[in-house]
PDB file of N, CA and C in Angstrom:
ATOM      1  N   MET A   1      54.709-122.754 143.249  1.00  0.00           N
ATOM      2  CA  MET A   1      56.056-122.978 143.701  1.00  0.00           C
ATOM      3  C   MET A   1      56.729-123.913 142.705  1.00  0.00           C
ATOM      4  N   GLU A   2      57.875-123.537 142.240  1.00  0.00           N
ATOM      5  CA  GLU A   2      58.553-124.358 141.229  1.00  0.00           C
ATOM      6  C   GLU A   2      59.396-125.455 141.878  1.00  0.00           C
ATOM      7  N   TRP A   3      59.257-126.663 141.356  1.00  0.00           N
ATOM      8  CA  TRP A   3      60.051-127.807 141.792  1.00  0.00           C
ATOM      9  C   TRP A   3      61.453-127.709 141.198  1.00  0.00           C
ATOM     10  N   GLN A   4      61.533-127.324 139.938  1.00  0.00           N
ATOM     11  CA  GLN A   4      62.815-127.140 139.271  1.00  0.00           C
ATOM     12  C   GLN A   4      62.903-125.703 138.787  1.00  0.00           C
ATOM     13  N   ARG A   5      64.086-125.117 138.923  1.00  0.00           N
ATOM     14  CA  ARG A   5      64.282-123.711 138.577  1.00  0.00           C
ATOM     15  C   ARG A   5      64.704-123.543 137.124  1.00  0.00           C
ATOM     16  N   PHE A   6      63.984-122.668 136.449  1.00  0.00           N
ATOM     17  CA  PHE A   6      64.286-122.316 135.063  1.00  0.00           C
ATOM     18  C   PHE A   6      65.431-121.321 135.061  1.00  0.00           C
ATOM     19  N   PRO A   7      66.389-121.328 134.153  1.00  0.00           N
ATOM     20  CA  PRO A   7      66.450-122.155 132.949  1.00  0.00           C
ATOM     21  C   PRO A   7      67.279-123.424 133.105  1.00  0.00           C
ATOM     22  N   GLU A   8      68.055-123.544 134.184  1.00  0.00           N
ATOM     23  CA  GLU A   8      68.929-124.715 134.311  1.00  0.00           C
ATOM     24  C   GLU A   8      68.177-125.983 134.718  1.00  0.00           C
ATOM     25  N   MET A   9      66.949-125.830 135.215  1.00  0.00           N
ATOM     26  CA  MET A   9      66.071-126.934 135.611  1.00  0.00           C
ATOM     27  C   MET A   9      66.636-127.769 136.762  1.00  0.00           C
ATOM     28  N   ALA A  10      67.432-127.115 137.615  1.00  0.00           N
ATOM     29  CA  ALA A  10      67.928-127.779 138.820  1.00  0.00           C
ATOM     30  C   ALA A  10      66.801-127.833 139.847  1.00  0.00           C
ATOM     31  N   VAL A  11      66.779-128.887 140.641  1.00  0.00           N
ATOM     32  CA  VAL A  11      65.762-129.015 141.685  1.00  0.00           C
ATOM     33  C   VAL A  11      65.910-127.867 142.675  1.00  0.00           C
ATOM     34  N   ASN A  12      64.804-127.260 143.021  1.00  0.00           N
ATOM     35  CA  ASN A  12      64.763-126.167 143.982  1.00  0.00           C
ATOM     36  C   ASN A  12      64.984-126.755 145.377  1.00  0.00           C
ATOM     37  N   PRO A  13      66.132-126.482 146.017  1.00  0.00           N
ATOM     38  CA  PRO A  13      66.411-127.088 147.321  1.00  0.00           C
ATOM     39  C   PRO A  13      65.471-126.609 148.429  1.00  0.00           C
ATOM     40  N   ASP A  14      64.782-125.504 148.216  1.00  0.00           N
ATOM     41  CA  ASP A  14      63.868-124.950 149.219  1.00  0.00           C
ATOM     42  C   ASP A  14      62.409-125.345 148.983  1.00  0.00           C
ATOM     43  N   PHE A  15      62.150-126.185 147.993  1.00  0.00           N
ATOM     44  CA  PHE A  15      60.775-126.516 147.619  1.00  0.00           C
ATOM     45  C   PHE A  15      59.945-127.031 148.796  1.00  0.00           C
ATOM     46  N   VAL A  16      60.394-128.094 149.428  1.00  0.00           N
ATOM     47  CA  VAL A  16      59.616-128.700 150.512  1.00  0.00           C
ATOM     48  C   VAL A  16      59.483-127.730 151.677  1.00  0.00           C
ATOM     49  N   LYS A  17      60.563-127.042 152.012  1.00  0.00           N
ATOM     50  CA  LYS A  17      60.536-126.094 153.128  1.00  0.00           C
ATOM     51  C   LYS A  17      59.519-124.982 152.876  1.00  0.00           C
ATOM     52  N   LYS A  18      59.497-124.459 151.660  1.00  0.00           N
ATOM     53  CA  LYS A  18      58.560-123.375 151.345  1.00  0.00           C
ATOM     54  C   LYS A  18      57.108-123.864 151.332  1.00  0.00           C
ATOM     55  N   ILE A  19      56.886-125.064 150.842  1.00  0.00           N
ATOM     56  CA  ILE A  19      55.534-125.623 150.880  1.00  0.00           C
ATOM     57  C   ILE A  19      55.101-125.792 152.338  1.00  0.00           C
ATOM     58  N   ALA A  20      56.009-126.291 153.172  1.00  0.00           N
ATOM     59  CA  ALA A  20      55.698-126.484 154.591  1.00  0.00           C
ATOM     60  C   ALA A  20      55.378-125.157 155.275  1.00  0.00           C
ATOM     61  N   GLN A  21      56.016-124.075 154.853  1.00  0.00           N
ATOM     62  CA  GLN A  21      55.720-122.754 155.416  1.00  0.00           C
ATOM     63  C   GLN A  21      54.326-122.285 155.007  1.00  0.00           C
ATOM     64  N   GLU A  22      53.922-122.615 153.800  1.00  0.00           N
ATOM     65  CA  GLU A  22      52.608-122.207 153.295  1.00  0.00           C
ATOM     66  C   GLU A  22      51.482-123.106 153.803  1.00  0.00           C
ATOM     67  N   ILE A  23      51.794-124.389 153.952  1.00  0.00           N
ATOM     68  CA  ILE A  23      50.780-125.374 154.357  1.00  0.00           C
ATOM     69  C   ILE A  23      51.308-126.106 155.592  1.00  0.00           C
ATOM     70  N   ALA A  24      50.998-125.593 156.760  1.00  0.00           N
ATOM     71  CA  ALA A  24      51.515-126.175 158.001  1.00  0.00           C
ATOM     72  C   ALA A  24      50.946-127.567 158.274  1.00  0.00           C
ATOM     73  N   ASP A  25      49.705-127.787 157.904  1.00  0.00           N
ATOM     74  CA  ASP A  25      49.050-129.079 158.110  1.00  0.00           C
ATOM     75  C   ASP A  25      49.448-130.011 156.968  1.00  0.00           C
ATOM     76  N   THR A  26      50.021-131.156 157.300  1.00  0.00           N
ATOM     77  CA  THR A  26      50.499-132.080 156.257  1.00  0.00           C
ATOM     78  C   THR A  26      49.425-133.040 155.761  1.00  0.00           C
ATOM     79  N   THR A  27      48.174-132.859 156.193  1.00  0.00           N
ATOM     80  CA  THR A  27      47.129-133.806 155.804  1.00  0.00           C
ATOM     81  C   THR A  27      46.234-133.389 154.638  1.00  0.00           C
ATOM     82  N   PRO A  28      46.145-132.105 154.259  1.00  0.00           N
ATOM     83  CA  PRO A  28      45.220-131.799 153.158  1.00  0.00           C
ATOM     84  C   PRO A  28      45.750-132.309 151.817  1.00  0.00           C
ATOM     85  N   ALA A  29      44.846-132.434 150.869  1.00  0.00           N
ATOM     86  CA  ALA A  29      45.246-132.852 149.523  1.00  0.00           C
ATOM     87  C   ALA A  29      46.068-131.756 148.862  1.00  0.00           C
ATOM     88  N   ILE A  30      47.156-132.163 148.241  1.00  0.00           N
ATOM     89  CA  ILE A  30      48.007-131.257 147.477  1.00  0.00           C
ATOM     90  C   ILE A  30      48.124-131.851 146.080  1.00  0.00           C
ATOM     91  N   PHE A  31      47.779-131.064 145.073  1.00  0.00           N
ATOM     92  CA  PHE A  31      47.875-131.513 143.686  1.00  0.00           C
ATOM     93  C   PHE A  31      49.033-130.801 143.021  1.00  0.00           C
ATOM     94  N   THR A  32      49.890-131.557 142.343  1.00  0.00           N
ATOM     95  CA  THR A  32      51.011-130.969 141.624  1.00  0.00           C
ATOM     96  C   THR A  32      50.744-131.066 140.126  1.00  0.00           C
ATOM     97  N   LEU A  33      51.204-130.057 139.398  1.00  0.00           N
ATOM     98  CA  LEU A  33      50.932-129.966 137.963  1.00  0.00           C
ATOM     99  C   LEU A  33      52.102-129.281 137.274  1.00  0.00           C
ATOM    100  N   CYS A  34      52.517-129.810 136.147  1.00  0.00           N
ATOM    101  CA  CYS A  34      53.509-129.163 135.289  1.00  0.00           C
ATOM    102  C   CYS A  34      53.046-129.355 133.841  1.00  0.00           C
ATOM    103  N   ARG A  35      53.893-129.067 132.884  1.00  0.00           N
ATOM    104  CA  ARG A  35      53.488-129.180 131.480  1.00  0.00           C
ATOM    105  C   ARG A  35      53.079-130.598 131.101  1.00  0.00           C
ATOM    106  N   SER A  36      53.914-131.580 131.455  1.00  0.00           N
ATOM    107  CA  SER A  36      53.664-132.948 130.997  1.00  0.00           C
ATOM    108  C   SER A  36      53.365-133.946 132.112  1.00  0.00           C
ATOM    109  N   GLY A  37      53.598-133.561 133.352  1.00  0.00           N
ATOM    110  CA  GLY A  37      53.390-134.471 134.478  1.00  0.00           C
ATOM    111  C   GLY A  37      54.665-135.101 134.998  1.00  0.00           C
ATOM    112  N   ALA A  38      55.781-134.926 134.304  1.00  0.00           N
ATOM    113  CA  ALA A  38      57.048-135.539 134.717  1.00  0.00           C
ATOM    114  C   ALA A  38      57.665-134.836 135.928  1.00  0.00           C
ATOM    115  N   ARG A  39      57.775-133.525 135.886  1.00  0.00           N
ATOM    116  CA  ARG A  39      58.341-132.786 137.023  1.00  0.00           C
ATOM    117  C   ARG A  39      57.402-132.830 138.217  1.00  0.00           C
ATOM    118  N   SER A  40      56.114-132.728 137.956  1.00  0.00           N
ATOM    119  CA  SER A  40      55.160-132.669 139.064  1.00  0.00           C
ATOM    120  C   SER A  40      55.074-133.980 139.839  1.00  0.00           C
ATOM    121  N   ILE A  41      55.321-135.106 139.192  1.00  0.00           N
ATOM    122  CA  ILE A  41      55.303-136.362 139.950  1.00  0.00           C
ATOM    123  C   ILE A  41      56.504-136.423 140.882  1.00  0.00           C
ATOM    124  N   ALA A  42      57.635-135.889 140.444  1.00  0.00           N
ATOM    125  CA  ALA A  42      58.817-135.834 141.315  1.00  0.00           C
ATOM    126  C   ALA A  42      58.550-134.924 142.512  1.00  0.00           C
ATOM    127  N   ALA A  43      57.865-133.821 142.281  1.00  0.00           N
ATOM    128  CA  ALA A  43      57.519-132.900 143.367  1.00  0.00           C
ATOM    129  C   ALA A  43      56.572-133.572 144.358  1.00  0.00           C
ATOM    130  N   ALA A  44      55.576-134.277 143.862  1.00  0.00           N
ATOM    131  CA  ALA A  44      54.631-134.977 144.741  1.00  0.00           C
ATOM    132  C   ALA A  44      55.340-136.047 145.564  1.00  0.00           C
ATOM    133  N   ARG A  45      56.267-136.748 144.950  1.00  0.00           N
ATOM    134  CA  ARG A  45      57.022-137.776 145.678  1.00  0.00           C
ATOM    135  C   ARG A  45      57.882-137.154 146.771  1.00  0.00           C
ATOM    136  N   ALA A  46      58.525-136.033 146.471  1.00  0.00           N
ATOM    137  CA  ALA A  46      59.360-135.353 147.468  1.00  0.00           C
ATOM    138  C   ALA A  46      58.520-134.908 148.658  1.00  0.00           C
ATOM    139  N   LEU A  47      57.343-134.372 148.398  1.00  0.00           N
ATOM    140  CA  LEU A  47      56.453-133.948 149.481  1.00  0.00           C
ATOM    141  C   LEU A  47      55.978-135.144 150.302  1.00  0.00           C
ATOM    142  N   THR A  48      55.653-136.233 149.632  1.00  0.00           N
ATOM    143  CA  THR A  48      55.205-137.444 150.326  1.00  0.00           C
ATOM    144  C   THR A  48      56.307-137.971 151.243  1.00  0.00           C
ATOM    145  N   GLN A  49      57.539-137.976 150.746  1.00  0.00           N
ATOM    146  CA  GLN A  49      58.672-138.449 151.548  1.00  0.00           C
ATOM    147  C   GLN A  49      58.894-137.586 152.785  1.00  0.00           C
ATOM    148  N   GLU A  50      58.472-136.341 152.722  1.00  0.00           N
ATOM    149  CA  GLU A  50      58.639-135.428 153.856  1.00  0.00           C
ATOM    150  C   GLU A  50      57.414-135.382 154.763  1.00  0.00           C
ATOM    151  N   GLY A  51      56.462-136.287 154.551  1.00  0.00           N
ATOM    152  CA  GLY A  51      55.353-136.414 155.471  1.00  0.00           C
ATOM    153  C   GLY A  51      54.029-135.816 155.037  1.00  0.00           C
ATOM    154  N   PHE A  52      53.970-135.234 153.849  1.00  0.00           N
ATOM    155  CA  PHE A  52      52.689-134.733 153.342  1.00  0.00           C
ATOM    156  C   PHE A  52      51.900-135.937 152.836  1.00  0.00           C
ATOM    157  N   ALA A  53      50.783-136.210 153.498  1.00  0.00           N
ATOM    158  CA  ALA A  53      50.067-137.469 153.273  1.00  0.00           C
ATOM    159  C   ALA A  53      49.259-137.530 151.985  1.00  0.00           C
ATOM    160  N   GLY A  54      48.683-136.431 151.551  1.00  0.00           N
ATOM    161  CA  GLY A  54      47.756-136.468 150.422  1.00  0.00           C
ATOM    162  C   GLY A  54      48.276-135.759 149.195  1.00  0.00           C
ATOM    163  N   CYS A  55      49.372-136.233 148.635  1.00  0.00           N
ATOM    164  CA  CYS A  55      49.943-135.599 147.442  1.00  0.00           C
ATOM    165  C   CYS A  55      49.530-136.365 146.195  1.00  0.00           C
ATOM    166  N   TYR A  56      49.060-135.629 145.208  1.00  0.00           N
ATOM    167  CA  TYR A  56      48.584-136.233 143.966  1.00  0.00           C
ATOM    168  C   TYR A  56      49.171-135.497 142.776  1.00  0.00           C
ATOM    169  N   ASN A  57      49.603-136.247 141.797  1.00  0.00           N
ATOM    170  CA  ASN A  57      50.103-135.677 140.553  1.00  0.00           C
ATOM    171  C   ASN A  57      48.972-135.669 139.526  1.00  0.00           C
ATOM    172  N   VAL A  58      48.848-134.583 138.793  1.00  0.00           N
ATOM    173  CA  VAL A  58      47.865-134.513 137.710  1.00  0.00           C
ATOM    174  C   VAL A  58      48.490-135.217 136.503  1.00  0.00           C
ATOM    175  N   VAL A  59      48.031-136.436 136.237  1.00  0.00           N
ATOM    176  CA  VAL A  59      48.586-137.259 135.163  1.00  0.00           C
ATOM    177  C   VAL A  59      48.401-136.560 133.822  1.00  0.00           C
ATOM    178  N   GLY A  60      49.450-136.533 133.042  1.00  0.00           N
ATOM    179  CA  GLY A  60      49.396-135.878 131.739  1.00  0.00           C
ATOM    180  C   GLY A  60      49.770-134.413 131.800  1.00  0.00           C
ATOM    181  N   GLY A  61      49.801-133.848 133.002  1.00  0.00           N
ATOM    182  CA  GLY A  61      50.169-132.444 133.147  1.00  0.00           C
ATOM    183  C   GLY A  61      49.180-131.505 132.483  1.00  0.00           C
ATOM    184  N   PHE A  62      49.643-130.296 132.206  1.00  0.00           N
ATOM    185  CA  PHE A  62      48.767-129.301 131.602  1.00  0.00           C
ATOM    186  C   PHE A  62      48.599-129.533 130.101  1.00  0.00           C
ATOM    187  N   GLU A  63      49.710-129.743 129.399  1.00  0.00           N
ATOM    188  CA  GLU A  63      49.649-129.903 127.936  1.00  0.00           C
ATOM    189  C   GLU A  63      49.730-131.343 127.476  1.00  0.00           C
ATOM    190  N   GLY A  64      50.127-132.258 128.338  1.00  0.00           N
ATOM    191  CA  GLY A  64      50.150-133.669 127.996  1.00  0.00           C
ATOM    192  C   GLY A  64      51.325-134.108 127.144  1.00  0.00           C
ATOM    193  N   ASP A  65      51.206-135.322 126.659  1.00  0.00           N
ATOM    194  CA  ASP A  65      52.251-135.931 125.836  1.00  0.00           C
ATOM    195  C   ASP A  65      52.252-135.331 124.435  1.00  0.00           C
ATOM    196  N   PRO A  66      53.415-135.354 123.779  1.00  0.00           N
ATOM    197  CA  PRO A  66      53.450-134.862 122.398  1.00  0.00           C
ATOM    198  C   PRO A  66      52.794-135.850 121.434  1.00  0.00           C
ATOM    199  N   ASP A  67      52.237-135.305 120.355  1.00  0.00           N
ATOM    200  CA  ASP A  67      51.679-136.163 119.309  1.00  0.00           C
ATOM    201  C   ASP A  67      52.803-136.604 118.370  1.00  0.00           C
ATOM    202  N   GLU A  68      52.460-137.236 117.276  1.00  0.00           N
ATOM    203  CA  GLU A  68      53.477-137.755 116.345  1.00  0.00           C
ATOM    204  C   GLU A  68      54.315-136.660 115.699  1.00  0.00           C
ATOM    205  N   PHE A  69      53.858-135.413 115.783  1.00  0.00           N
ATOM    206  CA  PHE A  69      54.603-134.289 115.219  1.00  0.00           C
ATOM    207  C   PHE A  69      55.360-133.507 116.289  1.00  0.00           C
ATOM    208  N   GLY A  70      55.281-133.970 117.533  1.00  0.00           N
ATOM    209  CA  GLY A  70      55.968-133.309 118.630  1.00  0.00           C
ATOM    210  C   GLY A  70      55.192-132.172 119.270  1.00  0.00           C
ATOM    211  N   HIS A  71      53.933-131.999 118.867  1.00  0.00           N
ATOM    212  CA  HIS A  71      53.105-130.932 119.431  1.00  0.00           C
ATOM    213  C   HIS A  71      52.348-131.439 120.652  1.00  0.00           C
ATOM    214  N   ARG A  72      52.230-130.590 121.647  1.00  0.00           N
ATOM    215  CA  ARG A  72      51.507-130.949 122.867  1.00  0.00           C
ATOM    216  C   ARG A  72      50.122-130.318 122.865  1.00  0.00           C
ATOM    217  N   GLY A  73      49.233-130.876 123.666  1.00  0.00           N
ATOM    218  CA  GLY A  73      47.895-130.320 123.818  1.00  0.00           C
ATOM    219  C   GLY A  73      46.829-131.046 123.020  1.00  0.00           C
ATOM    220  N   GLY A  74      47.211-132.041 122.216  1.00  0.00           N
ATOM    221  CA  GLY A  74      46.233-132.738 121.391  1.00  0.00           C
ATOM    222  C   GLY A  74      46.074-134.206 121.711  1.00  0.00           C
ATOM    223  N   VAL A  75      46.777-134.690 122.741  1.00  0.00           N
ATOM    224  CA  VAL A  75      46.725-136.113 123.079  1.00  0.00           C
ATOM    225  C   VAL A  75      46.056-136.330 124.435  1.00  0.00           C
ATOM    226  N   ASN A  76      46.540-135.636 125.430  1.00  0.00           N
ATOM    227  CA  ASN A  76      46.002-135.763 126.790  1.00  0.00           C
ATOM    228  C   ASN A  76      46.391-134.519 127.585  1.00  0.00           C
ATOM    229  N   GLY A  77      46.092-134.526 128.854  1.00  0.00           N
ATOM    230  CA  GLY A  77      46.443-133.408 129.722  1.00  0.00           C
ATOM    231  C   GLY A  77      45.249-132.546 130.103  1.00  0.00           C
ATOM    232  N   TRP A  78      45.476-131.675 131.045  1.00  0.00           N
ATOM    233  CA  TRP A  78      44.443-130.781 131.594  1.00  0.00           C
ATOM    234  C   TRP A  78      43.737-130.008 130.491  1.00  0.00           C
ATOM    235  N   LYS A  79      44.522-129.369 129.646  1.00  0.00           N
ATOM    236  CA  LYS A  79      43.978-128.535 128.561  1.00  0.00           C
ATOM    237  C   LYS A  79      43.157-129.387 127.583  1.00  0.00           C
ATOM    238  N   PHE A  80      43.701-130.522 127.172  1.00  0.00           N
ATOM    239  CA  PHE A  80      43.026-131.418 126.232  1.00  0.00           C
ATOM    240  C   PHE A  80      41.687-131.901 126.783  1.00  0.00           C
ATOM    241  N   ASP A  81      41.648-132.164 128.084  1.00  0.00           N
ATOM    242  CA  ASP A  81      40.425-132.665 128.713  1.00  0.00           C
ATOM    243  C   ASP A  81      39.368-131.591 128.917  1.00  0.00           C
ATOM    244  N   GLY A  82      39.676-130.365 128.517  1.00  0.00           N
ATOM    245  CA  GLY A  82      38.695-129.291 128.603  1.00  0.00           C
ATOM    246  C   GLY A  82      38.470-128.758 130.006  1.00  0.00           C
ATOM    247  N   LEU A  83      39.432-128.979 130.880  1.00  0.00           N
ATOM    248  CA  LEU A  83      39.310-128.467 132.245  1.00  0.00           C
ATOM    249  C   LEU A  83      39.575-126.961 132.249  1.00  0.00           C
ATOM    250  N   PRO A  84      39.064-126.242 133.249  1.00  0.00           N
ATOM    251  CA  PRO A  84      39.157-124.777 133.225  1.00  0.00           C
ATOM    252  C   PRO A  84      40.584-124.254 133.361  1.00  0.00           C
ATOM    253  N   TRP A  85      40.882-123.225 132.585  1.00  0.00           N
ATOM    254  CA  TRP A  85      42.158-122.529 132.682  1.00  0.00           C
ATOM    255  C   TRP A  85      42.019-121.170 132.004  1.00  0.00           C
ATOM    256  N   VAL A  86      42.909-120.255 132.375  1.00  0.00           N
ATOM    257  CA  VAL A  86      42.902-118.902 131.822  1.00  0.00           C
ATOM    258  C   VAL A  86      44.334-118.516 131.497  1.00  0.00           C
ATOM    259  N   GLN A  87      44.540-117.939 130.337  1.00  0.00           N
ATOM    260  CA  GLN A  87      45.857-117.428 129.970  1.00  0.00           C
ATOM    261  C   GLN A  87      45.810-115.914 130.032  1.00  0.00           C
ATOM    262  N   LYS A  88      46.746-115.326 130.755  1.00  0.00           N
ATOM    263  CA  LYS A  88      46.792-113.860 130.892  1.00  0.00           C
ATOM    264  C   LYS A  88      48.072-113.308 130.331  1.00  0.00           C
TER     265      LYS A  88
END
């Protein structure tokens, strides 16, 4: 579920409502993830404010912070840490 809608990157006004429809119980752990961790922390905060108790942001996101050349994936993040992922 997208927190911000591409390409204008406006916050999805239905985000919390749609998550609540998918996950009726507000107590399980919910992990949010985006490219760098910036959007996903906002999503986790929005869910927490609406009563979802166990929201966690994946620090660094999928590709992490950019290096000195502006490239992502070589400093930190899910991919850098060697965690499982598949590209299709």
